[in-house]
Amino acid sequence: APSLSRLDERLAEAYRSARARPATPGTLT
């Protein structure tokens, strides 16, 4: 499903951005 594939890309980007914020990225992982 192309719509889900695009959503998966958005999820990956949201995760990368969130992981860069807290002082303990390992917890977020």
Full PDB file with SEQRES, HELIX, SHEET, SSBOND, CRYST1, ORIGX, SCALE, CONECT and MASTER records, all heavy atoms in Angstrom:
SEQRES   1 A   29  ALA PRO SER LEU SER ARG LEU ASP GLU ARG LEU ALA GLU          
SEQRES   2 A   29  ALA TYR ARG SER ALA ARG ALA ARG PRO ALA THR PRO GLY          
SEQRES   3 A   29  THR LEU THR                                                  
HELIX    1 AA1 PRO A    2  ARG A   19  1                                  18    
HELIX    2 AA2 PRO A   25  LEU A   28  1                                   4    
CRYST1    1.000    1.000    1.000  90.00  90.00  90.00 P 1           1          
ORIGX1      1.000000  0.000000  0.000000        0.00000                         
ORIGX2      0.000000  1.000000  0.000000        0.00000                         
ORIGX3      0.000000  0.000000  1.000000        0.00000                         
SCALE1      1.000000  0.000000  0.000000        0.00000                         
SCALE2      0.000000  1.000000  0.000000        0.00000                         
SCALE3      0.000000  0.000000  1.000000        0.00000                         
ATOM      1  N   ALA A   1       0.839  -1.199   0.000  1.00  0.00           N  
ATOM      2  CA  ALA A   1       0.000   0.000   0.000  1.00  0.00           C  
ATOM      3  C   ALA A   1       0.875   1.251   0.000  1.00  0.00           C  
ATOM      4  O   ALA A   1       1.555   1.524   0.994  1.00  0.00           O  
ATOM      5  CB  ALA A   1      -0.915   0.001   1.225  1.00  0.00           C  
ATOM      6  N   PRO A   2       0.869   2.025  -1.076  1.00  0.00           N  
ATOM      7  CA  PRO A   2       1.698   3.234  -1.136  1.00  0.00           C  
ATOM      8  C   PRO A   2       1.436   4.208   0.017  1.00  0.00           C  
ATOM      9  O   PRO A   2       2.361   4.828   0.526  1.00  0.00           O  
ATOM     10  CB  PRO A   2       1.313   3.852  -2.479  1.00  0.00           C  
ATOM     11  CG  PRO A   2       0.858   2.693  -3.310  1.00  0.00           C  
ATOM     12  CD  PRO A   2       0.170   1.766  -2.350  1.00  0.00           C  
ATOM     13  N   SER A   3       0.181   4.329   0.447  1.00  0.00           N  
ATOM     14  CA  SER A   3      -0.134   5.256   1.538  1.00  0.00           C  
ATOM     15  C   SER A   3       0.535   4.817   2.836  1.00  0.00           C  
ATOM     16  O   SER A   3       1.031   5.649   3.603  1.00  0.00           O  
ATOM     17  CB  SER A   3      -1.644   5.351   1.732  1.00  0.00           C  
ATOM     18  OG  SER A   3      -2.195   4.081   2.074  1.00  0.00           O  
ATOM     19  N   LEU A   4       0.575   3.511   3.094  1.00  0.00           N  
ATOM     20  CA  LEU A   4       1.233   3.004   4.295  1.00  0.00           C  
ATOM     21  C   LEU A   4       2.739   3.125   4.187  1.00  0.00           C  
ATOM     22  O   LEU A   4       3.425   3.363   5.184  1.00  0.00           O  
ATOM     23  CB  LEU A   4       0.854   1.542   4.543  1.00  0.00           C  
ATOM     24  CG  LEU A   4      -0.468   1.270   5.265  1.00  0.00           C  
ATOM     25  CD1 LEU A   4      -0.599  -0.211   5.579  1.00  0.00           C  
ATOM     26  CD2 LEU A   4      -0.558   2.082   6.557  1.00  0.00           C  
ATOM     27  N   SER A   5       3.256   2.946   2.987  1.00  0.00           N  
ATOM     28  CA  SER A   5       4.699   3.084   2.795  1.00  0.00           C  
ATOM     29  C   SER A   5       5.144   4.510   3.109  1.00  0.00           C  
ATOM     30  O   SER A   5       6.164   4.735   3.760  1.00  0.00           O  
ATOM     31  CB  SER A   5       5.071   2.727   1.355  1.00  0.00           C  
ATOM     32  OG  SER A   5       6.463   2.799   1.160  1.00  0.00           O  
ATOM     33  N   ARG A   6       4.347   5.480   2.675  1.00  0.00           N  
ATOM     34  CA  ARG A   6       4.666   6.876   2.992  1.00  0.00           C  
ATOM     35  C   ARG A   6       4.559   7.128   4.492  1.00  0.00           C  
ATOM     36  O   ARG A   6       5.362   7.863   5.074  1.00  0.00           O  
ATOM     37  CB  ARG A   6       3.733   7.806   2.212  1.00  0.00           C  
ATOM     38  CG  ARG A   6       4.001   7.843   0.701  1.00  0.00           C  
ATOM     39  CD  ARG A   6       3.236   8.957   0.030  1.00  0.00           C  
ATOM     40  NE  ARG A   6       1.797   8.729   0.066  1.00  0.00           N  
ATOM     41  CZ  ARG A   6       1.118   8.059  -0.866  1.00  0.00           C  
ATOM     42  NH1 ARG A   6       1.759   7.550  -1.905  1.00  0.00           N  
ATOM     43  NH2 ARG A   6      -0.185   7.903  -0.777  1.00  0.00           N  
ATOM     44  N   LEU A   7       3.557   6.505   5.130  1.00  0.00           N  
ATOM     45  CA  LEU A   7       3.398   6.659   6.573  1.00  0.00           C  
ATOM     46  C   LEU A   7       4.572   6.030   7.319  1.00  0.00           C  
ATOM     47  O   LEU A   7       5.019   6.538   8.348  1.00  0.00           O  
ATOM     48  CB  LEU A   7       2.075   6.025   7.010  1.00  0.00           C  
ATOM     49  CG  LEU A   7       1.462   6.482   8.335  1.00  0.00           C  
ATOM     50  CD1 LEU A   7       1.207   7.988   8.310  1.00  0.00           C  
ATOM     51  CD2 LEU A   7       0.166   5.738   8.604  1.00  0.00           C  
ATOM     52  N   ASP A   8       5.068   4.921   6.799  1.00  0.00           N  
ATOM     53  CA  ASP A   8       6.237   4.277   7.403  1.00  0.00           C  
ATOM     54  C   ASP A   8       7.459   5.181   7.317  1.00  0.00           C  
ATOM     55  O   ASP A   8       8.267   5.250   8.256  1.00  0.00           O  
ATOM     56  CB  ASP A   8       6.503   2.942   6.703  1.00  0.00           C  
ATOM     57  CG  ASP A   8       7.641   2.174   7.351  1.00  0.00           C  
ATOM     58  OD1 ASP A   8       7.429   1.610   8.451  1.00  0.00           O  
ATOM     59  OD2 ASP A   8       8.731   2.137   6.767  1.00  0.00           O  
ATOM     60  N   GLU A   9       7.598   5.884   6.212  1.00  0.00           N  
ATOM     61  CA  GLU A   9       8.705   6.832   6.074  1.00  0.00           C  
ATOM     62  C   GLU A   9       8.563   7.978   7.077  1.00  0.00           C  
ATOM     63  O   GLU A   9       9.552   8.411   7.681  1.00  0.00           O  
ATOM     64  CB  GLU A   9       8.748   7.378   4.653  1.00  0.00           C  
ATOM     65  CG  GLU A   9       9.120   6.327   3.601  1.00  0.00           C  
ATOM     66  CD  GLU A   9       9.002   6.859   2.188  1.00  0.00           C  
ATOM     67  OE1 GLU A   9       8.586   8.035   2.043  1.00  0.00           O  
ATOM     68  OE2 GLU A   9       9.305   6.111   1.247  1.00  0.00           O  
ATOM     69  N   ARG A  10       7.333   8.449   7.279  1.00  0.00           N  
ATOM     70  CA  ARG A  10       7.088   9.512   8.263  1.00  0.00           C  
ATOM     71  C   ARG A  10       7.392   9.020   9.673  1.00  0.00           C  
ATOM     72  O   ARG A  10       7.943   9.757  10.493  1.00  0.00           O  
ATOM     73  CB  ARG A  10       5.637   9.984   8.171  1.00  0.00           C  
ATOM     74  CG  ARG A  10       5.307  10.844   6.962  1.00  0.00           C  
ATOM     75  CD  ARG A  10       3.845  11.260   6.988  1.00  0.00           C  
ATOM     76  NE  ARG A  10       3.500  11.913   8.249  1.00  0.00           N  
ATOM     77  CZ  ARG A  10       2.254  12.002   8.722  1.00  0.00           C  
ATOM     78  NH1 ARG A  10       1.244  11.461   8.049  1.00  0.00           N  
ATOM     79  NH2 ARG A  10       2.030  12.636   9.860  1.00  0.00           N  
ATOM     80  N   LEU A  11       7.033   7.780   9.959  1.00  0.00           N  
ATOM     81  CA  LEU A  11       7.316   7.210  11.272  1.00  0.00           C  
ATOM     82  C   LEU A  11       8.818   7.137  11.512  1.00  0.00           C  
ATOM     83  O   LEU A  11       9.307   7.479  12.605  1.00  0.00           O  
ATOM     84  CB  LEU A  11       6.698   5.819  11.388  1.00  0.00           C  
ATOM     85  CG  LEU A  11       7.008   5.055  12.675  1.00  0.00           C  
ATOM     86  CD1 LEU A  11       6.348   5.728  13.875  1.00  0.00           C  
ATOM     87  CD2 LEU A  11       6.539   3.601  12.575  1.00  0.00           C  
ATOM     88  N   ALA A  12       9.562   6.689  10.510  1.00  0.00           N  
ATOM     89  CA  ALA A  12      11.016   6.584  10.645  1.00  0.00           C  
ATOM     90  C   ALA A  12      11.630   7.957  10.900  1.00  0.00           C  
ATOM     91  O   ALA A  12      12.534   8.101  11.734  1.00  0.00           O  
ATOM     92  CB  ALA A  12      11.615   5.950   9.385  1.00  0.00           C  
ATOM     93  N   GLU A  13      11.138   8.973  10.219  1.00  0.00           N  
ATOM     94  CA  GLU A  13      11.661  10.321  10.413  1.00  0.00           C  
ATOM     95  C   GLU A  13      11.285  10.865  11.792  1.00  0.00           C  
ATOM     96  O   GLU A  13      12.105  11.502  12.465  1.00  0.00           O  
ATOM     97  CB  GLU A  13      11.120  11.249   9.324  1.00  0.00           C  
ATOM     98  CG  GLU A  13      11.565  12.701   9.453  1.00  0.00           C  
ATOM     99  CD  GLU A  13      13.081  12.852   9.514  1.00  0.00           C  
ATOM    100  OE1 GLU A  13      13.786  12.083   8.839  1.00  0.00           O  
ATOM    101  OE2 GLU A  13      13.550  13.744  10.248  1.00  0.00           O  
ATOM    102  N   ALA A  14      10.051  10.601  12.239  1.00  0.00           N  
ATOM    103  CA  ALA A  14       9.615  11.052  13.567  1.00  0.00           C  
ATOM    104  C   ALA A  14      10.454  10.390  14.656  1.00  0.00           C  
ATOM    105  O   ALA A  14      10.815  11.028  15.657  1.00  0.00           O  
ATOM    106  CB  ALA A  14       8.132  10.731  13.771  1.00  0.00           C  
ATOM    107  N   TYR A  15      10.790   9.117  14.462  1.00  0.00           N  
ATOM    108  CA  TYR A  15      11.616   8.410  15.436  1.00  0.00           C  
ATOM    109  C   TYR A  15      13.027   8.981  15.475  1.00  0.00           C  
ATOM    110  O   TYR A  15      13.586   9.224  16.552  1.00  0.00           O  
ATOM    111  CB  TYR A  15      11.648   6.920  15.099  1.00  0.00           C  
ATOM    112  CG  TYR A  15      12.721   6.171  15.856  1.00  0.00           C  
ATOM    113  CD1 TYR A  15      12.646   6.003  17.229  1.00  0.00           C  
ATOM    114  CD2 TYR A  15      13.827   5.642  15.190  1.00  0.00           C  
ATOM    115  CE1 TYR A  15      13.643   5.334  17.935  1.00  0.00           C  
ATOM    116  CE2 TYR A  15      14.823   4.971  15.877  1.00  0.00           C  
ATOM    117  CZ  TYR A  15      14.723   4.823  17.244  1.00  0.00           C  
ATOM    118  OH  TYR A  15      15.708   4.171  17.939  1.00  0.00           O  
ATOM    119  N   ARG A  16      13.616   9.219  14.320  1.00  0.00           N  
ATOM    120  CA  ARG A  16      14.972   9.785  14.275  1.00  0.00           C  
ATOM    121  C   ARG A  16      15.008  11.155  14.963  1.00  0.00           C  
ATOM    122  O   ARG A  16      15.941  11.466  15.708  1.00  0.00           O  
ATOM    123  CB  ARG A  16      15.454   9.911  12.830  1.00  0.00           C  
ATOM    124  CG  ARG A  16      15.882   8.588  12.203  1.00  0.00           C  
ATOM    125  CD  ARG A  16      16.634   8.820  10.911  1.00  0.00           C  
ATOM    126  NE  ARG A  16      15.765   9.379   9.886  1.00  0.00           N  
ATOM    127  CZ  ARG A  16      15.095   8.646   8.995  1.00  0.00           C  
ATOM    128  NH1 ARG A  16      15.197   7.328   9.018  1.00  0.00           N  
ATOM    129  NH2 ARG A  16      14.329   9.225   8.086  1.00  0.00           N  
ATOM    130  N   SER A  17      13.979  11.956  14.694  1.00  0.00           N  
ATOM    131  CA  SER A  17      13.924  13.285  15.293  1.00  0.00           C  
ATOM    132  C   SER A  17      13.746  13.197  16.802  1.00  0.00           C  
ATOM    133  O   SER A  17      14.422  13.901  17.559  1.00  0.00           O  
ATOM    134  CB  SER A  17      12.759  14.076  14.677  1.00  0.00           C  
ATOM    135  OG  SER A  17      12.637  15.346  15.274  1.00  0.00           O  
ATOM    136  N   ALA A  18      12.868  12.305  17.272  1.00  0.00           N  
ATOM    137  CA  ALA A  18      12.622  12.158  18.706  1.00  0.00           C  
ATOM    138  C   ALA A  18      13.860  11.633  19.411  1.00  0.00           C  
ATOM    139  O   ALA A  18      14.191  12.065  20.526  1.00  0.00           O  
ATOM    140  CB  ALA A  18      11.441  11.226  18.941  1.00  0.00           C  
ATOM    141  N   ARG A  19      14.562  10.705  18.790  1.00  0.00           N  
ATOM    142  CA  ARG A  19      15.740  10.101  19.418  1.00  0.00           C  
ATOM    143  C   ARG A  19      16.856  11.119  19.602  1.00  0.00           C  
ATOM    144  O   ARG A  19      17.704  10.966  20.481  1.00  0.00           O  
ATOM    145  CB  ARG A  19      16.227   8.927  18.578  1.00  0.00           C  
ATOM    146  CG  ARG A  19      17.226   8.032  19.298  1.00  0.00           C  
ATOM    147  CD  ARG A  19      17.599   6.819  18.458  1.00  0.00           C  
ATOM    148  NE  ARG A  19      18.461   5.915  19.220  1.00  0.00           N  
ATOM    149  CZ  ARG A  19      19.767   6.050  19.363  1.00  0.00           C  
ATOM    150  NH1 ARG A  19      20.378   7.080  18.780  1.00  0.00           N  
ATOM    151  NH2 ARG A  19      20.467   5.175  20.072  1.00  0.00           N  
ATOM    152  N   ALA A  20      16.857  12.164  18.797  1.00  0.00           N  
ATOM    153  CA  ALA A  20      17.903  13.176  18.893  1.00  0.00           C  
ATOM    154  C   ALA A  20      17.633  14.175  20.016  1.00  0.00           C  
ATOM    155  O   ALA A  20      18.511  14.963  20.362  1.00  0.00           O  
ATOM    156  CB  ALA A  20      18.025  13.931  17.571  1.00  0.00           C  
ATOM    157  N   ARG A  21      16.428  14.110  20.610  1.00  0.00           N  
ATOM    158  CA  ARG A  21      16.063  15.123  21.609  1.00  0.00           C  
ATOM    159  C   ARG A  21      16.458  14.779  23.037  1.00  0.00           C  
ATOM    160  O   ARG A  21      17.115  15.578  23.697  1.00  0.00           O  
ATOM    161  CB  ARG A  21      14.552  15.393  21.543  1.00  0.00           C  
ATOM    162  CG  ARG A  21      14.134  16.113  20.289  1.00  0.00           C  
ATOM    163  CD  ARG A  21      12.632  16.367  20.271  1.00  0.00           C  
ATOM    164  NE  ARG A  21      12.124  16.212  18.926  1.00  0.00           N  
ATOM    165  CZ  ARG A  21      11.011  15.581  18.616  1.00  0.00           C  
ATOM    166  NH1 ARG A  21      10.285  15.032  19.563  1.00  0.00           N  
ATOM    167  NH2 ARG A  21      10.624  15.485  17.373  1.00  0.00           N  
ATOM    168  N   PRO A  22      16.033  13.631  23.583  1.00  0.00           N  
ATOM    169  CA  PRO A  22      16.287  13.402  25.015  1.00  0.00           C  
ATOM    170  C   PRO A  22      17.744  13.104  25.318  1.00  0.00           C  
ATOM    171  O   PRO A  22      18.526  12.739  24.447  1.00  0.00           O  
ATOM    172  CB  PRO A  22      15.402  12.185  25.333  1.00  0.00           C  
ATOM    173  CG  PRO A  22      15.306  11.449  24.044  1.00  0.00           C  
ATOM    174  CD  PRO A  22      15.315  12.501  22.970  1.00  0.00           C  
ATOM    175  N   ALA A  23      18.075  13.259  26.617  1.00  0.00           N  
ATOM    176  CA  ALA A  23      19.454  13.009  27.044  1.00  0.00           C  
ATOM    177  C   ALA A  23      19.775  11.523  27.068  1.00  0.00           C  
ATOM    178  O   ALA A  23      20.937  11.135  27.120  1.00  0.00           O  
ATOM    179  CB  ALA A  23      19.681  13.623  28.423  1.00  0.00           C  
ATOM    180  N   THR A  24      18.753  10.672  27.046  1.00  0.00           N  
ATOM    181  CA  THR A  24      18.954   9.220  27.085  1.00  0.00           C  
ATOM    182  C   THR A  24      18.304   8.574  25.859  1.00  0.00           C  
ATOM    183  O   THR A  24      17.227   7.971  25.957  1.00  0.00           O  
ATOM    184  CB  THR A  24      18.353   8.618  28.366  1.00  0.00           C  
ATOM    185  OG1 THR A  24      16.977   9.051  28.487  1.00  0.00           O  
ATOM    186  CG2 THR A  24      19.122   9.092  29.589  1.00  0.00           C  
ATOM    187  N   PRO A  25      18.925   8.701  24.686  1.00  0.00           N  
ATOM    188  CA  PRO A  25      18.332   8.132  23.470  1.00  0.00           C  
ATOM    189  C   PRO A  25      18.170   6.622  23.528  1.00  0.00           C  
ATOM    190  O   PRO A  25      17.304   6.056  22.862  1.00  0.00           O  
ATOM    191  CB  PRO A  25      19.312   8.554  22.365  1.00  0.00           C  
ATOM    192  CG  PRO A  25      20.602   8.813  23.071  1.00  0.00           C  
ATOM    193  CD  PRO A  25      20.221   9.357  24.407  1.00  0.00           C  
ATOM    194  N   GLY A  26      18.995   5.940  24.337  1.00  0.00           N  
ATOM    195  CA  GLY A  26      18.865   4.498  24.452  1.00  0.00           C  
ATOM    196  C   GLY A  26      17.520   4.088  25.012  1.00  0.00           C  
ATOM    197  O   GLY A  26      16.943   3.071  24.611  1.00  0.00           O  
ATOM    198  N   THR A  27      16.987   4.867  25.945  1.00  0.00           N  
ATOM    199  CA  THR A  27      15.665   4.584  26.504  1.00  0.00           C  
ATOM    200  C   THR A  27      14.601   4.687  25.431  1.00  0.00           C  
ATOM    201  O   THR A  27      13.695   3.844  25.345  1.00  0.00           O  
ATOM    202  CB  THR A  27      15.351   5.570  27.648  1.00  0.00           C  
ATOM    203  OG1 THR A  27      16.297   5.391  28.694  1.00  0.00           O  
ATOM    204  CG2 THR A  27      13.952   5.329  28.198  1.00  0.00           C  
ATOM    205  N   LEU A  28      14.707   5.716  24.601  1.00  0.00           N  
ATOM    206  CA  LEU A  28      13.709   5.890  23.547  1.00  0.00           C  
ATOM    207  C   LEU A  28      13.797   4.762  22.521  1.00  0.00           C  
ATOM    208  O   LEU A  28      12.781   4.302  22.002  1.00  0.00           O  
ATOM    209  CB  LEU A  28      13.888   7.245  22.874  1.00  0.00           C  
ATOM    210  CG  LEU A  28      12.672   7.680  22.058  1.00  0.00           C  
ATOM    211  CD1 LEU A  28      12.317   9.124  22.362  1.00  0.00           C  
ATOM    212  CD2 LEU A  28      12.927   7.505  20.570  1.00  0.00           C  
ATOM    213  N   THR A  29      15.005   4.296  22.237  1.00  0.00           N  
ATOM    214  CA  THR A  29      15.174   3.187  21.300  1.00  0.00           C  
ATOM    215  C   THR A  29      14.465   1.932  21.808  1.00  0.00           C  
ATOM    216  O   THR A  29      13.743   1.259  21.060  1.00  0.00           O  
ATOM    217  CB  THR A  29      16.665   2.884  21.086  1.00  0.00           C  
ATOM    218  OG1 THR A  29      17.291   4.021  20.486  1.00  0.00           O  
ATOM    219  CG2 THR A  29      16.858   1.681  20.179  1.00  0.00           C  
TER     220      THR A  29                                                      
MASTER        0    0    0    2    0    0    0    6  219    1    0    3          
END                                                                             
